[in-house]
Amino acid sequence: MGKQEIIKIIRNKKPEMESRYGVQRLGLFGSYVKERQRKKSDIDILV
């Protein structure tokens, strides 16, 4: 899974997160943003 695919998933989930939990912003950070992820890297999402 690449950075663009993760961003697409985050964008698709944002409306649900807004309505259920009042989330205003979501962001991606860490190794995926820098495109330095490895096979065992986790996905870091800022809420």
C-alpha atoms as a PDB file:
ATOM      1  CA  MET A   1       0.000   0.000   0.000  1.00  0.00           C
ATOM      2  CA  GLY A   2       1.382   3.382  -0.946  1.00  0.00           C
ATOM      3  CA  LYS A   3       0.969   6.938   0.287  1.00  0.00           C
ATOM      4  CA  GLN A   4      -1.697   7.899  -2.263  1.00  0.00           C
ATOM      5  CA  GLU A   5      -3.818   4.845  -1.478  1.00  0.00           C
ATOM      6  CA  ILE A   6      -3.666   5.607   2.261  1.00  0.00           C
ATOM      7  CA  ILE A   7      -4.638   9.247   1.661  1.00  0.00           C
ATOM      8  CA  LYS A   8      -7.604   8.074  -0.439  1.00  0.00           C
ATOM      9  CA  ILE A   9      -8.790   5.786   2.379  1.00  0.00           C
ATOM     10  CA  ILE A  10      -8.423   8.597   4.935  1.00  0.00           C
ATOM     11  CA  ARG A  11     -10.438  10.959   2.721  1.00  0.00           C
ATOM     12  CA  ASN A  12     -13.165   8.348   2.249  1.00  0.00           C
ATOM     13  CA  LYS A  13     -13.417   7.703   6.006  1.00  0.00           C
ATOM     14  CA  LYS A  14     -13.361  11.373   7.054  1.00  0.00           C
ATOM     15  CA  PRO A  15     -17.139  12.030   6.788  1.00  0.00           C
ATOM     16  CA  GLU A  16     -17.879   9.040   9.031  1.00  0.00           C
ATOM     17  CA  MET A  17     -15.226  10.114  11.548  1.00  0.00           C
ATOM     18  CA  GLU A  18     -16.663  13.654  11.562  1.00  0.00           C
ATOM     19  CA  SER A  19     -20.216  12.525  12.250  1.00  0.00           C
ATOM     20  CA  ARG A  20     -19.430   9.761  14.761  1.00  0.00           C
ATOM     21  CA  TYR A  21     -16.584  11.325  16.708  1.00  0.00           C
ATOM     22  CA  GLY A  22     -16.496  15.030  15.846  1.00  0.00           C
ATOM     23  CA  VAL A  23     -13.125  14.705  14.116  1.00  0.00           C
ATOM     24  CA  GLN A  24     -12.268  17.924  12.307  1.00  0.00           C
ATOM     25  CA  ARG A  25      -8.985  17.048  10.626  1.00  0.00           C
ATOM     26  CA  LEU A  26      -7.065  13.911   9.713  1.00  0.00           C
ATOM     27  CA  GLY A  27      -3.490  13.740   8.523  1.00  0.00           C
ATOM     28  CA  LEU A  28      -0.820  11.262   7.576  1.00  0.00           C
ATOM     29  CA  PHE A  29       2.711  11.503   8.948  1.00  0.00           C
ATOM     30  CA  GLY A  30       5.787   9.367   9.413  1.00  0.00           C
ATOM     31  CA  SER A  31       7.525   6.975   7.062  1.00  0.00           C
ATOM     32  CA  TYR A  32       4.681   6.833   4.515  1.00  0.00           C
ATOM     33  CA  VAL A  33       4.738  10.600   3.991  1.00  0.00           C
ATOM     34  CA  LYS A  34       8.495  10.485   3.507  1.00  0.00           C
ATOM     35  CA  GLU A  35       8.044   7.410   1.287  1.00  0.00           C
ATOM     36  CA  ARG A  36      10.533   5.510   3.458  1.00  0.00           C
ATOM     37  CA  GLN A  37       8.145   2.832   4.694  1.00  0.00           C
ATOM     38  CA  ARG A  38       9.284  -0.727   5.096  1.00  0.00           C
ATOM     39  CA  LYS A  39       7.397  -4.003   5.025  1.00  0.00           C
ATOM     40  CA  LYS A  40       6.677  -3.821   8.783  1.00  0.00           C
ATOM     41  CA  SER A  41       6.016  -0.054   8.985  1.00  0.00           C
ATOM     42  CA  ASP A  42       2.867   1.117  10.696  1.00  0.00           C
ATOM     43  CA  ILE A  43       0.616   3.864   9.359  1.00  0.00           C
ATOM     44  CA  ASP A  44       0.711   7.065  11.419  1.00  0.00           C
ATOM     45  CA  ILE A  45      -2.516   9.082  11.329  1.00  0.00           C
ATOM     46  CA  LEU A  46      -2.946  12.418  13.091  1.00  0.00           C
ATOM     47  CA  VAL A  47      -6.474  13.040  14.400  1.00  0.00           C
END
